[in-house]
Amino acid sequence: MTSKERMKRAMDRRTPDRVPVMCQMSFGHMLLQTRSAPSEFWFSAELFAEGLIRLRELYGFDGFLVSLFGHPAGWKKMLVEIRKHSDGEEAWWQNGDRTYFPFDDLPQHRPQIQPPLPSVFDFDVESIPEEVDAIPVSQGLLFPLDSEHTFDVFNHIRSRTGTRFSIHGEVTSPFDYFLNLFGHDNALAALIEEPSRCEAVLNRYCEAIKKLALAQVAWGVDAVKISSPFAGSGFISPRFYRRFVLPYEGEIATAVRSKNTHIYTHTCGAVGDRLESIVESGISGLECLDPPPLGDVDLRDAVNRVGDRVFIKGNIDPVHTLLYGSEKEVEEDARMRIETAKRKGGYILSSACSIAPHTPRRNVQALLRTAEKHGTY
């Protein structure tokens, strides 16, 4: 059975030959393991694709997650210079902006002029582009999406690896775009003060994100991930989740599922109080399921509650187990996850959230070894 077939059977909630293995990796981990120049790795579609290929080979993953795409081909034309430092690179741009690129983390962009955040009270919803033009990565960091090069990374992976592996695309939740637009404090307050205006903004983003998801489906991805990091109980209540997250992610999920393509949601932190609500969106899979102390999800409980409706991917603690644990502890933890979740067929062994930057290589490699030993059917 090929990796692509193995992943499909698991996502179909059927029985593969063994439990598949596929983790999301932090940008810092990818940098450290490939020893790439961080500015090039951020902006170069070819280098980023080669990094994904190299890491899949290194860890034996059954698939690729393409979280960054649409790399701007002409980025060097806007560059003045790159200064190298002991812990990273600093790029100076023609417009006066600077970007610091650590060797082990995401870039830190420093605009020369920081524009004020808009207010939801007088915001023009029509000003939101009809096509997604950027990916909100983390804490205000945006990755510009070049529509003429949307699928360069996907095409490079396909040309180098053929059809042996599962290739997953990604979109970001409308709620994440909403928070990024107004700033977290103002956006969360606006949910209470101006809920109808918030819904109009979310709906506008939803339509653009749905187009991007369907474009990835048309290219031929095997699944689409909805990155929804701010939809757990640390940010909003179950009632607000059902009003401001569920309807919009549900629209995206319905559109993708109508094309016979899998779609799964990634939400970090504590989600034990909303597992059924997340599944209600119509997704075919659920990722992350952070265990205590990072989150509050017990894998056995999750399998019993929603395992007959969606495939489950994740639940290994990326900090206390993968980053700080020994190989033996990783193997034992992974064995326990496999034995708990594989019985219904639809389980993919994975870190809960992303593999942290300084996670030892040997610990990640232990996952495949454990799946081959304990994950057969």
Protein backbone atom coordinates (compact mmCIF):
# COMPACT_ATOMS: atom_id res chain seq x y z
CA MET A 1 0.00 0.00 0.00
CA THR A 2 1.43 3.41 -0.95
CA SER A 3 1.50 6.29 1.50
CA LYS A 4 -1.21 8.05 -0.52
CA GLU A 5 -3.45 4.99 -0.34
CA ARG A 6 -2.73 4.54 3.37
CA MET A 7 -3.68 8.12 4.14
CA LYS A 8 -6.83 7.94 2.04
CA ARG A 9 -8.05 4.82 3.78
CA ALA A 10 -7.48 6.41 7.17
CA MET A 11 -9.24 9.63 6.13
CA ASP A 12 -12.09 7.50 4.76
CA ARG A 13 -12.25 5.91 8.24
CA ARG A 14 -11.41 2.54 6.80
CA THR A 15 -8.59 0.19 7.73
CA PRO A 16 -5.16 0.74 6.08
CA ASP A 17 -2.25 -1.67 6.37
CA ARG A 18 -0.92 0.39 9.29
CA VAL A 19 -1.59 3.67 11.05
CA PRO A 20 -0.25 6.52 8.86
CA VAL A 21 2.22 9.06 10.25
CA MET A 22 2.18 12.72 9.26
CA CYS A 23 3.01 15.76 11.41
CA GLN A 24 2.78 19.47 10.95
CA MET A 25 6.17 21.11 11.46
CA SER A 26 6.98 24.56 12.75
CA PHE A 27 8.86 26.85 10.40
CA GLY A 28 11.76 26.92 12.87
CA HIS A 29 12.05 23.13 12.92
CA MET A 30 12.13 23.03 9.14
CA LEU A 31 14.87 25.67 9.08
CA LEU A 32 17.04 23.90 11.63
CA GLN A 33 16.71 20.48 9.99
CA THR A 34 17.37 21.68 6.44
CA ARG A 35 19.97 24.31 7.44
CA SER A 36 18.42 26.70 4.94
CA ALA A 37 18.99 30.43 4.72
CA PRO A 38 15.82 31.68 6.44
CA SER A 39 15.01 34.52 4.03
CA GLU A 40 15.32 32.22 1.01
CA PHE A 41 13.32 29.49 2.74
CA TRP A 42 10.53 31.97 3.45
CA PHE A 43 10.33 33.45 -0.03
CA SER A 44 11.51 30.70 -2.42
CA ALA A 45 8.83 28.25 -3.55
CA GLU A 46 11.45 25.81 -4.83
CA LEU A 47 13.53 25.84 -1.64
CA PHE A 48 10.44 25.51 0.56
CA ALA A 49 9.20 22.58 -1.54
CA GLU A 50 12.61 20.90 -1.39
CA GLY A 51 12.57 21.34 2.37
CA LEU A 52 9.21 19.58 2.62
CA ILE A 53 10.52 16.75 0.44
CA ARG A 54 13.70 16.40 2.48
CA LEU A 55 11.83 16.30 5.79
CA ARG A 56 9.29 13.79 4.53
CA GLU A 57 12.19 11.53 3.58
CA LEU A 58 13.89 12.11 6.92
CA TYR A 59 10.84 11.23 9.00
CA GLY A 60 9.04 8.80 6.71
CA PHE A 61 5.82 10.79 6.76
CA ASP A 62 2.99 9.54 4.57
CA GLY A 63 2.17 12.98 3.26
CA PHE A 64 2.98 16.66 2.84
CA LEU A 65 1.22 19.65 4.38
CA VAL A 66 1.71 22.72 2.18
CA SER A 67 1.04 25.52 4.64
CA LEU A 68 2.79 28.29 2.67
CA PHE A 69 2.20 28.77 -1.05
CA GLY A 70 1.89 31.51 -3.63
CA HIS A 71 5.47 32.59 -2.96
CA PRO A 72 6.17 36.02 -4.52
CA ALA A 73 8.55 35.37 -7.38
CA GLY A 74 9.88 38.95 -7.56
CA TRP A 75 10.73 39.44 -3.91
CA LYS A 76 14.42 40.13 -4.52
CA LYS A 77 13.57 43.13 -6.72
CA MET A 78 12.12 44.87 -3.66
CA LEU A 79 15.18 44.12 -1.54
CA VAL A 80 17.95 46.59 -0.68
CA GLU A 81 20.25 44.22 1.20
CA ILE A 82 20.39 41.31 3.62
CA ARG A 83 22.66 41.62 6.63
CA LYS A 84 23.78 38.43 8.32
CA HIS A 85 23.92 38.16 12.11
CA SER A 86 24.98 35.41 14.48
CA ASP A 87 21.37 34.34 15.08
CA GLY A 88 19.71 35.19 11.79
CA GLU A 89 19.40 37.55 8.85
CA GLU A 90 18.00 41.07 8.54
CA ALA A 91 16.41 42.17 5.27
CA TRP A 92 16.13 45.85 4.38
CA TRP A 93 13.43 46.76 1.84
CA GLN A 94 13.10 49.62 -0.61
CA ASN A 95 10.05 51.00 1.21
CA GLY A 96 12.01 51.27 4.47
CA ASP A 97 10.60 48.17 6.12
CA ARG A 98 12.84 45.61 7.79
CA THR A 99 12.35 41.90 8.37
CA TYR A 100 14.36 39.87 10.82
CA PHE A 101 14.74 36.18 9.95
CA PRO A 102 15.88 34.04 12.91
CA PHE A 103 17.57 30.72 12.17
CA ASP A 104 15.01 28.89 14.32
CA ASP A 105 11.71 30.76 14.13
CA LEU A 106 9.24 32.69 12.00
CA PRO A 107 10.26 36.04 10.51
CA GLN A 108 9.63 39.25 12.45
CA HIS A 109 8.47 42.02 10.13
CA ARG A 110 9.05 45.62 11.19
CA PRO A 111 7.25 48.13 8.96
CA GLN A 112 8.69 51.65 8.78
CA ILE A 113 5.17 53.01 9.32
CA GLN A 114 2.67 50.97 11.31
CA PRO A 115 -0.82 51.79 10.00
CA PRO A 116 -3.54 52.08 12.65
CA LEU A 117 -5.94 49.19 13.05
CA PRO A 118 -9.37 49.82 11.52
CA SER A 119 -12.47 50.00 13.67
CA VAL A 120 -15.29 47.53 13.13
CA PHE A 121 -17.82 50.33 13.72
CA ASP A 122 -17.09 52.17 10.46
CA PHE A 123 -15.25 49.50 8.48
CA ASP A 124 -16.14 49.11 4.79
CA VAL A 125 -16.72 45.39 4.28
CA GLU A 126 -16.43 45.82 0.51
CA SER A 127 -12.77 46.78 0.97
CA ILE A 128 -11.93 43.14 1.75
CA PRO A 129 -10.54 41.63 -1.49
CA GLU A 130 -12.67 39.04 -3.26
CA GLU A 131 -9.55 36.86 -3.59
CA VAL A 132 -7.27 35.90 -0.72
CA ASP A 133 -4.07 37.94 -1.07
CA ALA A 134 -2.23 36.93 2.12
CA ILE A 135 -2.00 34.15 4.69
CA PRO A 136 -2.12 35.20 8.37
CA VAL A 137 0.69 33.11 9.81
CA SER A 138 1.13 34.19 13.43
CA GLN A 139 0.85 37.27 15.63
CA GLY A 140 0.27 39.76 12.84
CA LEU A 141 2.75 38.14 10.45
CA LEU A 142 1.33 37.93 6.93
CA PHE A 143 2.62 35.82 4.06
CA PRO A 144 1.84 37.60 0.75
CA LEU A 145 0.10 35.29 -1.70
CA ASP A 146 1.09 35.81 -5.35
CA SER A 147 -1.93 34.66 -7.38
CA GLU A 148 0.25 34.00 -10.43
CA HIS A 149 2.34 31.50 -8.44
CA THR A 150 -0.27 29.93 -6.15
CA PHE A 151 0.62 26.37 -7.00
CA ASP A 152 4.39 26.54 -7.57
CA VAL A 153 5.13 24.59 -4.36
CA PHE A 154 2.46 21.98 -5.11
CA ASN A 155 3.72 21.52 -8.66
CA HIS A 156 7.31 21.14 -7.53
CA ILE A 157 6.42 18.47 -5.00
CA ARG A 158 4.30 16.58 -7.52
CA SER A 159 7.02 16.73 -10.17
CA ARG A 160 9.63 15.40 -7.72
CA THR A 161 7.61 12.76 -5.88
CA GLY A 162 4.84 11.72 -8.27
CA THR A 163 1.63 10.39 -6.78
CA ARG A 164 3.03 8.19 -4.01
CA PHE A 165 2.28 10.55 -1.15
CA SER A 166 -0.73 12.40 0.18
CA ILE A 167 -0.57 16.14 -0.50
CA HIS A 168 -2.61 18.44 1.74
CA GLY A 169 -3.39 22.08 1.10
CA GLU A 170 -4.38 24.62 3.72
CA VAL A 171 -6.64 27.60 4.25
CA THR A 172 -7.03 29.77 7.33
CA SER A 173 -10.32 30.23 9.15
CA PRO A 174 -12.31 33.40 8.47
CA PHE A 175 -12.20 34.01 12.23
CA ASP A 176 -8.39 34.22 12.11
CA TYR A 177 -8.54 36.81 9.30
CA PHE A 178 -11.10 38.75 11.34
CA LEU A 179 -8.83 38.82 14.42
CA ASN A 180 -5.83 39.82 12.31
CA LEU A 181 -7.74 42.68 10.67
CA PHE A 182 -8.93 44.44 13.81
CA GLY A 183 -6.44 43.17 16.39
CA HIS A 184 -7.38 40.54 18.94
CA ASP A 185 -8.58 42.83 21.74
CA ASN A 186 -10.74 45.03 19.53
CA ALA A 187 -12.07 42.11 17.50
CA LEU A 188 -13.13 40.09 20.53
CA ALA A 189 -14.84 43.14 22.05
CA ALA A 190 -16.64 43.76 18.76
CA LEU A 191 -18.21 40.29 18.90
CA ILE A 192 -20.20 41.60 21.87
CA GLU A 193 -20.71 45.20 20.78
CA GLU A 194 -21.34 44.84 17.02
CA PRO A 195 -22.10 41.16 16.29
CA SER A 196 -23.95 41.81 13.02
CA ARG A 197 -21.10 43.86 11.56
CA CYS A 198 -18.67 41.13 12.64
CA GLU A 199 -20.77 38.56 10.81
CA ALA A 200 -20.68 40.65 7.63
CA VAL A 201 -16.87 40.76 7.78
CA LEU A 202 -16.66 37.02 8.47
CA ASN A 203 -18.98 36.25 5.58
CA ARG A 204 -16.88 38.32 3.17
CA TYR A 205 -13.72 36.50 4.23
CA CYS A 206 -15.53 33.17 4.03
CA GLU A 207 -16.35 33.64 0.35
CA ALA A 208 -12.73 34.45 -0.53
CA ILE A 209 -11.33 31.56 1.51
CA LYS A 210 -13.83 29.15 0.00
CA LYS A 211 -12.56 30.08 -3.47
CA LEU A 212 -8.99 29.38 -2.39
CA ALA A 213 -9.94 26.02 -0.90
CA LEU A 214 -11.76 24.99 -4.07
CA ALA A 215 -8.80 26.10 -6.20
CA GLN A 216 -6.61 23.70 -4.23
CA VAL A 217 -9.18 20.95 -4.73
CA ALA A 218 -9.19 21.66 -8.47
CA TRP A 219 -5.39 21.36 -8.49
CA GLY A 220 -5.74 17.90 -6.98
CA VAL A 221 -4.90 18.00 -3.27
CA ASP A 222 -5.91 14.95 -1.27
CA ALA A 223 -7.20 17.05 1.64
CA VAL A 224 -7.52 20.64 2.78
CA LYS A 225 -6.69 21.72 6.33
CA ILE A 226 -8.59 24.59 7.93
CA SER A 227 -6.16 26.31 10.27
CA SER A 228 -8.33 27.63 13.10
CA PRO A 229 -5.95 28.30 16.00
CA PHE A 230 -8.05 30.85 17.87
CA ALA A 231 -11.33 28.94 18.11
CA GLY A 232 -10.70 27.11 21.38
CA SER A 233 -12.05 27.86 24.83
CA GLY A 234 -9.07 30.07 25.65
CA PHE A 235 -10.49 32.66 23.24
CA ILE A 236 -14.24 32.25 22.83
CA SER A 237 -17.10 30.45 24.52
CA PRO A 238 -18.98 27.52 22.94
CA ARG A 239 -21.90 29.87 22.26
CA PHE A 240 -19.69 32.36 20.41
CA TYR A 241 -17.96 29.51 18.61
CA ARG A 242 -21.30 28.38 17.22
CA ARG A 243 -22.12 31.88 16.02
CA PHE A 244 -18.82 33.30 14.78
CA VAL A 245 -16.78 30.26 13.71
CA LEU A 246 -18.97 27.26 12.96
CA PRO A 247 -21.16 28.71 10.17
CA TYR A 248 -18.23 29.96 8.12
CA GLU A 249 -15.94 26.97 8.51
CA GLY A 250 -19.02 24.89 7.76
CA GLU A 251 -19.53 26.66 4.42
CA ILE A 252 -15.94 25.96 3.46
CA ALA A 253 -16.18 22.33 4.57
CA THR A 254 -19.42 21.78 2.65
CA ALA A 255 -17.91 23.23 -0.54
CA VAL A 256 -14.82 21.01 -0.33
CA ARG A 257 -16.72 17.86 0.64
CA SER A 258 -19.06 18.40 -2.32
CA LYS A 259 -16.01 17.78 -4.53
CA ASN A 260 -15.30 14.44 -2.78
CA THR A 261 -12.20 15.83 -1.10
CA HIS A 262 -11.38 15.53 2.58
CA ILE A 263 -11.17 18.59 4.81
CA TYR A 264 -10.10 18.73 8.44
CA THR A 265 -9.92 21.37 11.14
CA HIS A 266 -6.85 22.23 13.23
CA THR A 267 -7.69 24.03 16.48
CA CYS A 268 -5.13 24.40 19.24
CA GLY A 269 -5.57 24.31 22.99
CA ALA A 270 -8.66 23.33 24.95
CA VAL A 271 -11.49 22.11 22.71
CA GLY A 272 -13.00 19.40 24.88
CA ASP A 273 -16.15 21.45 25.38
CA ARG A 274 -16.81 21.78 21.63
CA LEU A 275 -15.71 18.59 19.88
CA GLU A 276 -19.22 17.84 18.65
CA SER A 277 -19.70 21.44 17.50
CA ILE A 278 -16.50 21.35 15.46
CA VAL A 279 -17.57 18.10 13.81
CA GLU A 280 -21.00 19.61 13.12
CA SER A 281 -19.30 21.88 10.55
CA GLY A 282 -19.22 18.93 8.16
CA ILE A 283 -15.48 18.32 8.21
CA SER A 284 -14.14 14.83 7.60
CA GLY A 285 -11.29 15.04 10.11
CA LEU A 286 -10.13 16.68 13.32
CA GLU A 287 -6.51 17.60 14.09
CA CYS A 288 -4.55 18.71 17.10
CA LEU A 289 -6.58 17.51 20.10
CA ASP A 290 -3.95 18.89 22.48
CA PRO A 291 -3.69 16.72 25.61
CA PRO A 292 -3.20 18.20 29.09
CA PRO A 293 -1.44 20.43 30.03
CA LEU A 294 -1.39 22.08 26.58
CA GLY A 295 -5.08 21.41 26.09
CA ASP A 296 -7.80 19.31 27.68
CA VAL A 297 -8.49 16.45 25.26
CA ASP A 298 -8.33 12.85 26.38
CA LEU A 299 -7.88 10.77 23.24
CA ARG A 300 -10.07 7.88 24.36
CA ASP A 301 -12.87 10.30 25.19
CA ALA A 302 -12.52 12.02 21.81
CA VAL A 303 -12.59 8.73 19.93
CA ASN A 304 -15.71 7.66 21.82
CA ARG A 305 -17.46 10.97 21.21
CA VAL A 306 -16.65 11.73 17.56
CA GLY A 307 -14.48 8.90 16.22
CA ASP A 308 -17.36 7.36 14.31
CA ARG A 309 -17.93 10.62 12.40
CA VAL A 310 -14.44 11.94 11.58
CA PHE A 311 -10.88 10.73 11.27
CA ILE A 312 -8.58 11.86 14.07
CA LYS A 313 -5.05 13.18 13.59
CA GLY A 314 -2.73 14.09 16.44
CA ASN A 315 -2.79 14.13 20.25
CA ILE A 316 0.93 13.57 20.96
CA ASP A 317 2.15 16.40 23.19
CA PRO A 318 4.69 18.30 21.02
CA VAL A 319 6.35 19.96 24.03
CA HIS A 320 6.55 17.60 27.01
CA THR A 321 6.81 14.43 24.88
CA LEU A 322 8.41 15.22 21.54
CA LEU A 323 10.59 18.16 22.53
CA TYR A 324 11.66 17.20 26.05
CA GLY A 325 11.01 13.45 26.19
CA SER A 326 13.44 10.62 25.49
CA GLU A 327 13.13 8.31 22.50
CA LYS A 328 11.76 5.61 24.78
CA GLU A 329 9.16 8.00 26.20
CA VAL A 330 8.12 9.07 22.69
CA GLU A 331 7.76 5.43 21.59
CA GLU A 332 5.69 4.54 24.64
CA ASP A 333 3.46 7.59 24.23
CA ALA A 334 2.96 6.92 20.52
CA ARG A 335 2.16 3.26 21.22
CA MET A 336 -0.50 4.30 23.71
CA ARG A 337 -2.07 6.74 21.22
CA ILE A 338 -2.11 4.09 18.51
CA GLU A 339 -3.70 1.46 20.72
CA THR A 340 -6.30 3.95 21.91
CA ALA A 341 -7.36 5.33 18.53
CA LYS A 342 -6.61 2.82 15.79
CA ARG A 343 -9.49 0.48 16.58
CA LYS A 344 -11.94 2.44 14.42
CA GLY A 345 -9.52 2.71 11.49
CA GLY A 346 -9.55 6.47 11.02
CA TYR A 347 -6.47 7.47 12.98
CA ILE A 348 -3.33 9.30 11.80
CA LEU A 349 -0.41 9.39 14.24
CA SER A 350 0.82 12.94 14.64
CA SER A 351 2.00 15.57 17.03
CA ALA A 352 -0.98 17.51 18.39
CA CYS A 353 0.21 20.95 17.28
CA SER A 354 3.37 21.66 15.28
CA ILE A 355 6.72 20.00 15.96
CA ALA A 356 8.64 22.61 17.97
CA PRO A 357 11.82 24.12 16.44
CA HIS A 358 14.41 22.37 18.62
CA THR A 359 12.69 18.97 18.78
CA PRO A 360 15.37 16.25 18.44
CA ARG A 361 15.33 14.53 15.08
CA ARG A 362 15.51 11.09 16.70
CA ASN A 363 12.27 11.71 18.61
CA VAL A 364 10.33 12.48 15.45
CA GLN A 365 11.85 9.46 13.69
CA ALA A 366 10.60 7.30 16.56
CA LEU A 367 7.01 7.89 15.42
CA LEU A 368 7.29 5.89 12.20
CA ARG A 369 9.20 3.14 13.95
CA THR A 370 6.40 2.85 16.52
CA ALA A 371 3.66 2.91 13.88
CA GLU A 372 5.36 0.10 11.96
CA LYS A 373 5.67 -1.98 15.12
CA HIS A 374 2.33 -1.32 16.80
CA GLY A 375 0.13 0.26 14.16
CA THR A 376 -0.52 -2.64 11.82
CA TYR A 377 -4.02 -4.02 11.37
